[in-house]
């Protein structure tokens, strides 16, 4: 009968990441957060609960001046968006984010999903044809209700 292995603690997972050439440093933007980086990509991890010892607080993205930039999909192209600027993403950056995400999942015991393993997925999707649709629509016309005092 197979025995269940004990789940590693947050510190054990950070040590495993260090052994696999990840750079692990404290992150001031999130309480208890650790910035994990490799290949020019990074993510912020925090301690999770007993079932999942690691929680990804800031999803993987390109590391820009100590900040993890988000990946923005506009339908026709992907962009790297940070608090200071927004630039078109290069193929090298997308490959780096994808390789980093897959290796991070393997080292932390995270769940690897099929559609995410095929390529890089974005954090935000903002298609130009959908811009402005989030505004409230006019109320539907109800011809069966009387308007005015009739």
N, C-alpha and C. Protein backbone atom coordinates (compact mmCIF):
# COMPACT_ATOMS: atom_id res chain seq x y z
N UNK A 1 0.84 -1.18 0.00
CA UNK A 1 0.00 0.00 0.00
C UNK A 1 0.89 1.24 0.00
N UNK A 2 0.58 2.18 -0.85
CA UNK A 2 1.37 3.40 -0.97
C UNK A 2 1.12 4.31 0.21
N UNK A 3 2.21 4.88 0.72
CA UNK A 3 2.08 5.82 1.83
C UNK A 3 2.02 7.24 1.29
N UNK A 4 1.30 8.06 2.00
CA UNK A 4 1.26 9.47 1.63
C UNK A 4 2.51 10.15 2.15
N UNK A 5 3.14 10.91 1.30
CA UNK A 5 4.30 11.66 1.71
C UNK A 5 3.86 12.95 2.37
N UNK A 6 4.57 13.38 3.41
CA UNK A 6 4.17 14.65 4.03
C UNK A 6 4.42 15.81 3.07
N UNK A 7 3.53 16.77 3.11
CA UNK A 7 3.67 17.95 2.25
C UNK A 7 4.79 18.82 2.77
N UNK A 8 5.62 19.34 1.87
CA UNK A 8 6.73 20.20 2.32
C UNK A 8 6.19 21.53 2.86
N UNK A 9 6.95 22.14 3.74
CA UNK A 9 6.58 23.44 4.28
C UNK A 9 6.99 24.53 3.30
N UNK A 10 6.58 25.74 3.59
CA UNK A 10 6.91 26.88 2.75
C UNK A 10 8.42 27.08 2.66
N UNK A 11 9.11 26.97 3.81
CA UNK A 11 10.57 27.14 3.81
C UNK A 11 11.27 26.03 3.05
N UNK A 12 10.77 24.82 3.13
CA UNK A 12 11.36 23.71 2.37
C UNK A 12 11.20 23.93 0.86
N UNK A 13 10.06 24.45 0.47
CA UNK A 13 9.83 24.73 -0.95
C UNK A 13 10.76 25.85 -1.43
N UNK A 14 10.96 26.87 -0.60
CA UNK A 14 11.88 27.95 -0.97
C UNK A 14 13.31 27.41 -1.11
N UNK A 15 13.71 26.49 -0.24
CA UNK A 15 15.04 25.88 -0.35
C UNK A 15 15.15 25.04 -1.62
N UNK A 16 14.09 24.35 -1.98
CA UNK A 16 14.08 23.57 -3.22
C UNK A 16 14.23 24.50 -4.42
N UNK A 17 13.55 25.63 -4.39
CA UNK A 17 13.66 26.60 -5.48
C UNK A 17 15.09 27.14 -5.59
N UNK A 18 15.72 27.41 -4.45
CA UNK A 18 17.10 27.90 -4.46
C UNK A 18 18.04 26.85 -5.06
N UNK A 19 17.81 25.56 -4.74
CA UNK A 19 18.65 24.49 -5.28
C UNK A 19 18.48 24.36 -6.79
N UNK A 20 17.34 24.79 -7.33
CA UNK A 20 17.09 24.72 -8.77
C UNK A 20 17.39 26.05 -9.46
N UNK A 21 18.28 26.85 -8.88
CA UNK A 21 18.80 28.09 -9.45
C UNK A 21 17.78 29.23 -9.52
N UNK A 22 16.73 29.19 -8.73
CA UNK A 22 15.82 30.32 -8.62
C UNK A 22 16.42 31.31 -7.64
N UNK A 23 16.24 32.58 -7.91
CA UNK A 23 16.66 33.61 -6.96
C UNK A 23 15.46 33.93 -6.07
N UNK A 24 15.61 33.80 -4.76
CA UNK A 24 14.52 34.01 -3.81
C UNK A 24 14.89 35.16 -2.89
N UNK A 25 14.09 36.23 -2.91
CA UNK A 25 14.32 37.40 -2.07
C UNK A 25 13.00 37.86 -1.46
N UNK A 26 13.04 38.52 -0.30
CA UNK A 26 11.80 39.06 0.28
C UNK A 26 11.23 40.14 -0.63
N UNK A 27 9.89 40.24 -0.66
CA UNK A 27 9.19 41.21 -1.50
C UNK A 27 8.42 42.16 -0.60
N UNK A 28 8.74 43.45 -0.68
CA UNK A 28 8.15 44.44 0.22
C UNK A 28 6.68 44.73 -0.09
N UNK A 29 6.23 44.49 -1.32
CA UNK A 29 4.87 44.84 -1.72
C UNK A 29 3.79 43.95 -1.13
N UNK A 30 4.16 42.75 -0.66
CA UNK A 30 3.18 41.80 -0.12
C UNK A 30 3.68 41.32 1.24
N UNK A 31 2.88 41.42 2.29
CA UNK A 31 3.33 40.95 3.60
C UNK A 31 3.64 39.45 3.57
N UNK A 32 4.86 39.09 3.97
CA UNK A 32 5.28 37.70 3.97
C UNK A 32 5.57 37.15 2.59
N UNK A 33 5.63 38.01 1.59
CA UNK A 33 5.84 37.57 0.21
C UNK A 33 7.31 37.39 -0.12
N UNK A 34 7.57 36.41 -0.97
CA UNK A 34 8.92 36.15 -1.44
C UNK A 34 8.92 36.25 -2.96
N UNK A 35 9.84 37.07 -3.50
CA UNK A 35 9.97 37.23 -4.94
C UNK A 35 10.87 36.11 -5.45
N UNK A 36 10.34 35.30 -6.35
CA UNK A 36 11.07 34.18 -6.93
C UNK A 36 11.28 34.51 -8.40
N UNK A 37 12.56 34.49 -8.85
CA UNK A 37 12.83 34.87 -10.23
C UNK A 37 13.84 33.92 -10.87
N UNK A 38 13.72 33.81 -12.20
CA UNK A 38 14.63 33.02 -13.02
C UNK A 38 14.27 33.29 -14.48
N UNK A 39 15.25 33.27 -15.37
CA UNK A 39 15.03 33.48 -16.81
C UNK A 39 14.48 34.87 -17.13
N UNK A 40 14.59 35.86 -16.22
CA UNK A 40 14.03 37.18 -16.46
C UNK A 40 12.56 37.28 -16.13
N UNK A 41 11.99 36.20 -15.60
CA UNK A 41 10.59 36.20 -15.19
C UNK A 41 10.54 36.03 -13.67
N UNK A 42 9.42 36.41 -13.08
CA UNK A 42 9.30 36.33 -11.63
C UNK A 42 7.85 36.16 -11.20
N UNK A 43 7.68 35.76 -9.95
CA UNK A 43 6.36 35.65 -9.31
C UNK A 43 6.56 35.91 -7.83
N UNK A 44 5.48 36.22 -7.13
CA UNK A 44 5.54 36.42 -5.68
C UNK A 44 4.78 35.30 -5.02
N UNK A 45 5.45 34.60 -4.09
CA UNK A 45 4.85 33.48 -3.37
C UNK A 45 4.67 33.87 -1.91
N UNK A 46 3.60 33.35 -1.31
CA UNK A 46 3.38 33.50 0.13
C UNK A 46 3.05 32.13 0.70
N UNK A 47 3.13 32.04 2.01
CA UNK A 47 2.79 30.78 2.68
C UNK A 47 1.29 30.55 2.57
N UNK A 48 0.92 29.34 2.23
CA UNK A 48 -0.49 28.98 2.09
C UNK A 48 -1.01 28.27 3.32
N UNK A 49 -1.99 27.41 3.13
CA UNK A 49 -2.56 26.64 4.23
C UNK A 49 -1.94 25.25 4.27
N UNK A 50 -2.54 24.36 5.06
CA UNK A 50 -1.97 23.01 5.24
C UNK A 50 -2.06 22.18 3.96
N UNK A 51 -3.11 22.35 3.18
CA UNK A 51 -3.28 21.58 1.94
C UNK A 51 -2.34 22.05 0.84
N UNK A 52 -2.25 23.35 0.68
CA UNK A 52 -1.35 23.93 -0.32
C UNK A 52 -0.38 24.87 0.41
N UNK A 53 0.85 24.42 0.64
CA UNK A 53 1.78 25.22 1.44
C UNK A 53 2.25 26.51 0.76
N UNK A 54 2.07 26.62 -0.56
CA UNK A 54 2.51 27.82 -1.28
C UNK A 54 1.33 28.41 -2.03
N UNK A 55 1.17 29.73 -1.90
CA UNK A 55 0.15 30.44 -2.67
C UNK A 55 0.85 31.44 -3.58
N UNK A 56 0.44 31.49 -4.83
CA UNK A 56 1.01 32.45 -5.78
C UNK A 56 0.20 33.74 -5.65
N UNK A 57 0.83 34.77 -5.07
CA UNK A 57 0.14 36.04 -4.84
C UNK A 57 0.16 36.92 -6.08
N UNK A 58 1.31 37.00 -6.73
CA UNK A 58 1.45 37.75 -7.98
C UNK A 58 1.84 36.73 -9.05
N UNK A 59 1.01 36.58 -10.07
CA UNK A 59 1.23 35.59 -11.12
C UNK A 59 2.51 35.87 -11.89
N UNK A 60 3.09 34.84 -12.49
CA UNK A 60 4.34 35.02 -13.22
C UNK A 60 4.25 36.06 -14.33
N UNK A 61 5.31 36.83 -14.43
CA UNK A 61 5.43 37.85 -15.47
C UNK A 61 6.89 38.24 -15.62
N UNK A 62 7.15 39.18 -16.48
CA UNK A 62 8.51 39.65 -16.71
C UNK A 62 8.92 40.54 -15.54
N UNK A 63 10.16 40.38 -15.09
CA UNK A 63 10.68 41.19 -13.99
C UNK A 63 11.23 42.50 -14.55
N UNK A 64 10.61 43.62 -14.16
CA UNK A 64 11.01 44.94 -14.65
C UNK A 64 11.27 45.85 -13.45
N UNK A 65 12.54 46.19 -13.24
CA UNK A 65 12.94 47.09 -12.14
C UNK A 65 12.37 46.65 -10.79
N UNK A 66 12.46 45.37 -10.50
CA UNK A 66 11.99 44.84 -9.22
C UNK A 66 10.49 44.64 -9.14
N UNK A 67 9.78 44.89 -10.21
CA UNK A 67 8.32 44.73 -10.25
C UNK A 67 7.96 43.62 -11.24
N UNK A 68 6.96 42.82 -10.89
CA UNK A 68 6.50 41.77 -11.79
C UNK A 68 5.45 42.39 -12.70
N UNK A 69 5.79 42.54 -13.98
CA UNK A 69 4.88 43.14 -14.96
C UNK A 69 3.86 42.10 -15.40
N UNK A 70 2.64 42.53 -15.62
CA UNK A 70 1.56 41.63 -16.02
C UNK A 70 1.56 41.45 -17.53
N UNK A 71 1.02 40.32 -17.95
CA UNK A 71 0.90 40.03 -19.37
C UNK A 71 -0.52 40.38 -19.80
N UNK A 72 -0.63 41.28 -20.75
CA UNK A 72 -1.91 41.81 -21.21
C UNK A 72 -2.14 41.35 -22.65
N UNK A 73 -3.31 40.77 -22.92
CA UNK A 73 -3.64 40.27 -24.25
C UNK A 73 -4.69 41.20 -24.85
N UNK A 74 -4.37 41.78 -25.99
CA UNK A 74 -5.31 42.67 -26.67
C UNK A 74 -5.92 42.02 -27.90
N UNK A 75 -5.81 40.71 -28.03
CA UNK A 75 -6.39 40.01 -29.16
C UNK A 75 -5.45 39.89 -30.32
N UNK A 76 -4.82 40.96 -30.72
CA UNK A 76 -3.91 40.95 -31.85
C UNK A 76 -2.45 40.84 -31.41
N UNK A 77 -2.16 41.15 -30.14
CA UNK A 77 -0.80 41.09 -29.64
C UNK A 77 -0.81 41.08 -28.12
N UNK A 78 0.24 40.50 -27.53
CA UNK A 78 0.40 40.51 -26.09
C UNK A 78 1.33 41.65 -25.70
N UNK A 79 1.07 42.25 -24.53
CA UNK A 79 1.85 43.37 -24.04
C UNK A 79 2.34 43.08 -22.63
N UNK A 80 3.46 43.67 -22.27
CA UNK A 80 3.99 43.64 -20.91
C UNK A 80 3.58 44.95 -20.27
N UNK A 81 2.79 44.88 -19.18
CA UNK A 81 2.26 46.10 -18.55
C UNK A 81 2.76 46.16 -17.11
N UNK A 82 3.47 47.25 -16.82
CA UNK A 82 3.90 47.51 -15.45
C UNK A 82 3.22 48.79 -14.99
N UNK A 83 3.52 49.22 -13.78
CA UNK A 83 2.90 50.45 -13.28
C UNK A 83 3.44 51.68 -14.00
N UNK A 84 4.60 51.56 -14.66
CA UNK A 84 5.22 52.72 -15.31
C UNK A 84 4.99 52.77 -16.82
N UNK A 85 4.93 51.63 -17.47
CA UNK A 85 4.81 51.64 -18.93
C UNK A 85 4.15 50.36 -19.44
N UNK A 86 3.91 50.37 -20.75
CA UNK A 86 3.33 49.21 -21.44
C UNK A 86 4.06 49.04 -22.77
N UNK A 87 4.64 47.84 -22.97
CA UNK A 87 5.42 47.56 -24.17
C UNK A 87 4.95 46.27 -24.82
N UNK A 88 5.10 46.15 -26.14
CA UNK A 88 4.77 44.88 -26.79
C UNK A 88 5.69 43.76 -26.27
N UNK A 89 5.13 42.60 -26.03
CA UNK A 89 5.91 41.46 -25.55
C UNK A 89 6.64 40.81 -26.70
N UNK A 90 7.89 40.44 -26.45
CA UNK A 90 8.67 39.74 -27.47
C UNK A 90 8.50 38.23 -27.28
N UNK A 91 8.88 37.49 -28.31
CA UNK A 91 8.79 36.04 -28.23
C UNK A 91 9.70 35.50 -27.12
N UNK A 92 10.87 36.10 -26.93
CA UNK A 92 11.79 35.67 -25.89
C UNK A 92 11.18 35.86 -24.50
N UNK A 93 10.46 36.97 -24.29
CA UNK A 93 9.82 37.20 -22.99
C UNK A 93 8.70 36.19 -22.75
N UNK A 94 7.92 35.89 -23.79
CA UNK A 94 6.85 34.91 -23.64
C UNK A 94 7.40 33.52 -23.34
N UNK A 95 8.49 33.15 -24.01
CA UNK A 95 9.14 31.86 -23.74
C UNK A 95 9.68 31.83 -22.31
N UNK A 96 10.25 32.94 -21.85
CA UNK A 96 10.80 33.00 -20.49
C UNK A 96 9.69 32.84 -19.45
N UNK A 97 8.56 33.51 -19.65
CA UNK A 97 7.43 33.40 -18.72
C UNK A 97 6.91 31.98 -18.70
N UNK A 98 6.78 31.37 -19.87
CA UNK A 98 6.26 30.00 -19.97
C UNK A 98 7.21 29.01 -19.29
N UNK A 99 8.50 29.10 -19.57
CA UNK A 99 9.47 28.20 -18.96
C UNK A 99 9.51 28.38 -17.44
N UNK A 100 9.47 29.63 -17.00
CA UNK A 100 9.47 29.93 -15.57
C UNK A 100 8.23 29.34 -14.89
N UNK A 101 7.06 29.55 -15.49
CA UNK A 101 5.80 29.05 -14.91
C UNK A 101 5.81 27.54 -14.77
N UNK A 102 6.25 26.84 -15.81
CA UNK A 102 6.26 25.37 -15.77
C UNK A 102 7.25 24.85 -14.74
N UNK A 103 8.43 25.45 -14.68
CA UNK A 103 9.43 25.00 -13.71
C UNK A 103 9.00 25.32 -12.28
N UNK A 104 8.34 26.46 -12.09
CA UNK A 104 7.84 26.83 -10.76
C UNK A 104 6.77 25.84 -10.29
N UNK A 105 5.88 25.44 -11.20
CA UNK A 105 4.85 24.46 -10.85
C UNK A 105 5.46 23.12 -10.47
N UNK A 106 6.49 22.71 -11.19
CA UNK A 106 7.14 21.44 -10.88
C UNK A 106 7.82 21.47 -9.52
N UNK A 107 8.49 22.56 -9.21
CA UNK A 107 9.24 22.66 -7.95
C UNK A 107 8.33 22.85 -6.73
N UNK A 108 7.19 23.50 -6.92
CA UNK A 108 6.30 23.76 -5.79
C UNK A 108 5.21 22.72 -5.64
N UNK A 109 5.12 21.79 -6.59
CA UNK A 109 4.06 20.79 -6.51
C UNK A 109 2.73 21.32 -6.96
N UNK A 110 2.75 22.38 -7.77
CA UNK A 110 1.52 22.98 -8.27
C UNK A 110 0.87 22.15 -9.35
N UNK A 111 -0.36 22.48 -9.66
CA UNK A 111 -1.14 21.76 -10.65
C UNK A 111 -0.80 22.29 -12.05
N UNK A 112 -0.44 21.38 -12.94
CA UNK A 112 -0.11 21.77 -14.31
C UNK A 112 -1.28 21.40 -15.20
N UNK A 113 -1.92 22.40 -15.78
CA UNK A 113 -3.09 22.19 -16.62
C UNK A 113 -2.68 22.12 -18.10
N UNK A 114 -3.41 21.34 -18.86
CA UNK A 114 -3.08 21.08 -20.26
C UNK A 114 -3.04 22.36 -21.08
N UNK A 115 -4.08 23.21 -20.97
CA UNK A 115 -4.13 24.40 -21.80
C UNK A 115 -3.03 25.39 -21.44
N UNK A 116 -2.59 25.40 -20.20
CA UNK A 116 -1.50 26.29 -19.81
C UNK A 116 -0.15 25.73 -20.24
N UNK A 117 -0.05 24.42 -20.38
CA UNK A 117 1.20 23.80 -20.81
C UNK A 117 1.47 24.03 -22.29
N UNK A 118 0.45 24.36 -23.06
CA UNK A 118 0.62 24.58 -24.50
C UNK A 118 1.31 25.90 -24.81
N UNK A 119 1.14 26.89 -23.95
CA UNK A 119 1.74 28.19 -24.22
C UNK A 119 1.47 29.15 -23.08
N UNK A 120 1.85 30.38 -23.27
CA UNK A 120 1.72 31.39 -22.24
C UNK A 120 0.29 31.90 -22.19
N UNK A 121 -0.29 31.95 -21.00
CA UNK A 121 -1.62 32.52 -20.82
C UNK A 121 -1.48 33.90 -20.19
N UNK A 122 -2.39 34.79 -20.50
CA UNK A 122 -2.31 36.17 -20.04
C UNK A 122 -3.08 36.37 -18.74
N UNK A 123 -2.75 37.44 -18.04
CA UNK A 123 -3.47 37.83 -16.83
C UNK A 123 -4.72 38.62 -17.18
N UNK A 124 -4.61 39.48 -18.19
CA UNK A 124 -5.71 40.37 -18.59
C UNK A 124 -6.01 40.17 -20.07
N UNK A 125 -7.29 40.26 -20.42
CA UNK A 125 -7.71 40.20 -21.82
C UNK A 125 -8.53 41.44 -22.10
N UNK A 126 -8.05 42.32 -22.99
CA UNK A 126 -8.74 43.56 -23.33
C UNK A 126 -8.79 43.68 -24.85
N UNK A 127 -9.84 43.16 -25.44
CA UNK A 127 -9.96 43.21 -26.89
C UNK A 127 -10.55 44.55 -27.30
N UNK A 128 -10.07 45.10 -28.41
CA UNK A 128 -10.50 46.44 -28.84
C UNK A 128 -11.97 46.48 -29.22
N UNK A 129 -12.53 45.42 -29.75
CA UNK A 129 -13.95 45.43 -30.11
C UNK A 129 -14.86 45.42 -28.89
N UNK A 130 -14.35 44.95 -27.77
CA UNK A 130 -15.16 44.88 -26.56
C UNK A 130 -15.00 46.11 -25.68
N UNK A 131 -14.16 47.03 -26.08
CA UNK A 131 -13.91 48.21 -25.27
C UNK A 131 -15.18 49.04 -25.16
N UNK A 132 -15.57 49.37 -23.95
CA UNK A 132 -16.76 50.17 -23.71
C UNK A 132 -18.02 49.35 -23.46
N UNK A 133 -17.97 48.05 -23.63
CA UNK A 133 -19.15 47.22 -23.40
C UNK A 133 -19.47 47.03 -21.93
N UNK A 134 -18.51 47.31 -21.06
CA UNK A 134 -18.75 47.11 -19.65
C UNK A 134 -19.66 48.18 -19.05
N UNK A 135 -19.98 49.22 -19.83
CA UNK A 135 -20.90 50.25 -19.36
C UNK A 135 -22.31 49.68 -19.27
N UNK A 136 -23.12 50.28 -18.42
CA UNK A 136 -24.50 49.81 -18.23
C UNK A 136 -25.31 50.02 -19.51
N UNK A 137 -26.04 48.99 -19.91
CA UNK A 137 -26.88 49.07 -21.10
C UNK A 137 -28.19 49.77 -20.75
N UNK A 138 -28.81 50.36 -21.75
CA UNK A 138 -30.10 51.01 -21.54
C UNK A 138 -31.15 49.96 -21.17
N UNK A 139 -32.13 50.30 -20.33
CA UNK A 139 -33.14 49.31 -19.97
C UNK A 139 -33.93 48.86 -21.20
N UNK A 140 -34.29 47.61 -21.21
CA UNK A 140 -35.01 47.04 -22.35
C UNK A 140 -36.40 47.66 -22.48
N UNK A 141 -36.83 47.84 -23.71
CA UNK A 141 -38.16 48.39 -23.97
C UNK A 141 -39.17 47.29 -23.73
N UNK A 142 -40.21 47.63 -22.97
CA UNK A 142 -41.27 46.67 -22.68
C UNK A 142 -42.58 47.20 -23.26
N UNK A 143 -42.94 46.77 -24.47
CA UNK A 143 -44.11 47.32 -25.13
C UNK A 143 -45.42 47.01 -24.42
N UNK A 144 -45.45 46.01 -23.61
CA UNK A 144 -46.69 45.64 -22.94
C UNK A 144 -46.99 46.54 -21.75
N UNK A 145 -46.00 47.33 -21.29
CA UNK A 145 -46.24 48.25 -20.18
C UNK A 145 -46.63 49.61 -20.77
N UNK A 146 -47.59 50.26 -20.17
CA UNK A 146 -48.04 51.56 -20.63
C UNK A 146 -47.07 52.64 -20.19
N UNK A 147 -46.76 53.52 -21.07
CA UNK A 147 -45.91 54.65 -20.73
C UNK A 147 -46.75 55.90 -20.66
N UNK A 148 -46.41 56.81 -19.80
CA UNK A 148 -47.20 58.02 -19.71
C UNK A 148 -48.47 57.76 -18.86
N UNK A 149 -49.43 58.31 -18.75
CA UNK A 149 -50.58 58.07 -17.87
C UNK A 149 -51.74 57.40 -18.55
N UNK A 150 -51.58 56.57 -19.56
CA UNK A 150 -52.71 55.98 -20.28
C UNK A 150 -53.21 54.76 -19.60
